[in-house]
Amino acid sequence: TRAPGSSNAQAHGFSSTQGIFVHPMSRVWRDILGVYIPITFEIYDRRPNIANEPNRQVYEVEVRAGMSAKRTIFYRSYNTTGVYTERVQIPFGPGYFSLTVLLRTTHGIVYEDTFHIGFNVDYMG
Protein backbone atom coordinates (compact mmCIF):
# COMPACT_ATOMS: atom_id res chain seq x y z
CA THR A 1 0.00 0.00 0.00
CA ARG A 2 1.04 3.61 -0.50
CA ALA A 3 0.75 6.34 2.07
CA PRO A 4 -1.38 9.37 1.15
CA GLY A 5 0.45 12.16 -0.56
CA SER A 6 3.47 10.09 -1.47
CA SER A 7 4.31 10.82 -5.07
CA ASN A 8 8.08 11.02 -4.99
CA ALA A 9 10.22 8.35 -6.61
CA GLN A 10 12.23 7.73 -3.44
CA ALA A 11 9.50 5.62 -1.92
CA HIS A 12 10.63 4.01 1.28
CA GLY A 13 8.34 1.11 0.52
CA PHE A 14 5.17 2.53 1.97
CA SER A 15 4.40 -0.96 3.14
CA SER A 16 7.25 -0.23 5.53
CA THR A 17 6.52 -0.62 9.21
CA GLN A 18 7.73 2.90 9.97
CA GLY A 19 8.45 6.16 8.21
CA ILE A 20 7.35 9.72 7.52
CA PHE A 21 5.37 11.41 4.77
CA VAL A 22 4.33 14.95 3.99
CA HIS A 23 0.56 15.44 3.90
CA PRO A 24 -1.14 16.60 0.68
CA MET A 25 -1.98 20.00 2.20
CA SER A 26 1.74 20.75 2.44
CA ARG A 27 2.72 18.95 -0.75
CA VAL A 28 0.62 21.18 -3.05
CA TRP A 29 2.78 23.65 -4.99
CA ARG A 30 2.39 27.13 -3.52
CA ASP A 31 4.23 30.40 -3.32
CA ILE A 32 4.37 31.30 0.34
CA LEU A 33 4.48 34.94 1.34
CA GLY A 34 5.70 35.55 4.86
CA VAL A 35 8.27 34.43 7.37
CA TYR A 36 7.15 30.91 8.28
CA ILE A 37 6.20 27.87 6.21
CA PRO A 38 3.67 25.45 7.74
CA ILE A 39 4.60 21.83 7.05
CA THR A 40 2.24 19.00 7.98
CA PHE A 41 3.72 15.50 8.13
CA GLU A 42 2.90 12.15 9.67
CA ILE A 43 5.22 9.86 11.59
CA TYR A 44 4.07 6.25 11.61
CA ASP A 45 5.43 3.16 13.33
CA ARG A 46 3.69 -0.19 12.95
CA ARG A 47 6.50 -2.36 14.23
CA PRO A 48 5.33 -5.35 16.26
CA ASN A 49 5.58 -4.85 20.02
CA ILE A 50 6.65 -1.18 19.70
CA ALA A 51 4.11 -0.17 22.35
CA ASN A 52 6.19 -2.14 24.88
CA GLU A 53 9.50 -0.52 23.88
CA PRO A 54 9.39 3.17 24.90
CA ASN A 55 13.16 3.51 24.42
CA ARG A 56 12.61 2.74 20.69
CA GLN A 57 9.85 5.36 20.34
CA VAL A 58 12.22 8.19 19.48
CA TYR A 59 11.73 9.84 16.09
CA GLU A 60 14.22 12.53 15.04
CA VAL A 61 12.73 14.76 12.34
CA GLU A 62 14.76 17.16 10.24
CA VAL A 63 13.70 19.53 7.47
CA ARG A 64 16.27 20.63 4.92
CA ALA A 65 16.14 23.21 2.15
CA GLY A 66 17.50 20.74 -0.40
CA MET A 67 19.43 17.62 0.55
CA SER A 68 22.52 19.01 2.28
CA ALA A 69 22.81 18.67 6.05
CA LYS A 70 24.32 22.18 5.97
CA ARG A 71 20.89 23.50 4.95
CA THR A 72 18.93 22.07 7.89
CA ILE A 73 16.18 24.54 8.78
CA PHE A 74 14.31 22.51 11.43
CA TYR A 75 15.09 19.72 13.89
CA ARG A 76 12.96 18.17 16.60
CA SER A 77 12.77 14.84 18.40
CA TYR A 78 9.34 13.27 18.95
CA ASN A 79 8.31 10.47 21.32
CA THR A 80 5.00 9.58 19.70
CA THR A 81 3.72 8.89 16.22
CA GLY A 82 0.99 11.03 14.68
CA VAL A 83 0.30 14.05 12.51
CA TYR A 84 2.27 17.21 13.24
CA THR A 85 2.27 20.70 11.78
CA GLU A 86 5.43 22.69 12.32
CA ARG A 87 6.28 26.24 11.26
CA VAL A 88 9.74 26.53 9.76
CA GLN A 89 11.69 29.48 8.46
CA ILE A 90 13.98 29.49 5.42
CA PRO A 91 16.92 31.80 6.20
CA PHE A 92 18.27 31.74 2.64
CA GLY A 93 16.02 34.48 1.22
CA PRO A 94 13.40 34.37 -1.53
CA GLY A 95 13.51 31.52 -4.03
CA TYR A 96 12.22 28.16 -5.12
CA PHE A 97 13.08 25.29 -2.81
CA SER A 98 12.89 21.52 -2.58
CA LEU A 99 12.16 20.79 1.06
CA THR A 100 13.19 17.38 2.36
CA VAL A 101 11.60 16.01 5.51
CA LEU A 102 13.71 13.26 7.10
CA LEU A 103 12.98 10.82 9.91
CA ARG A 104 15.87 9.07 11.67
CA THR A 105 15.02 6.08 13.85
CA THR A 106 16.83 4.70 16.90
CA HIS A 107 18.36 2.10 14.55
CA GLY A 108 19.85 4.86 12.38
CA ILE A 109 17.51 4.19 9.45
CA VAL A 110 16.56 7.35 7.55
CA TYR A 111 13.23 7.82 5.77
CA GLU A 112 12.54 10.92 3.68
CA ASP A 113 9.92 12.73 1.65
CA THR A 114 10.46 15.76 -0.60
CA PHE A 115 8.17 18.52 -1.89
CA HIS A 116 8.61 21.88 -3.65
CA ILE A 117 7.58 25.44 -2.80
CA GLY A 118 8.17 29.04 -3.75
CA PHE A 119 9.16 31.27 -0.84
CA ASN A 120 8.48 35.03 -1.11
CA VAL A 121 9.02 34.90 -4.87
CA ASP A 122 5.98 36.70 -6.34
CA TYR A 123 5.34 39.16 -3.52
CA MET A 124 5.46 42.19 -5.83
CA GLY A 125 2.74 40.85 -8.17
Foldseek 3Di string as FASTA:
>chain_A
DADAPADDPQDPPRVDQWAKEWHPVLQDEEEDEDFWRKTKMWTGGRDPPVVVPQVQQKKWKWKAQPDDPVRTFDIDIDSDTGMDIDITGRPPDWDKTKMKIWIQTPVRDIHIGIHIYTYNPPPVD
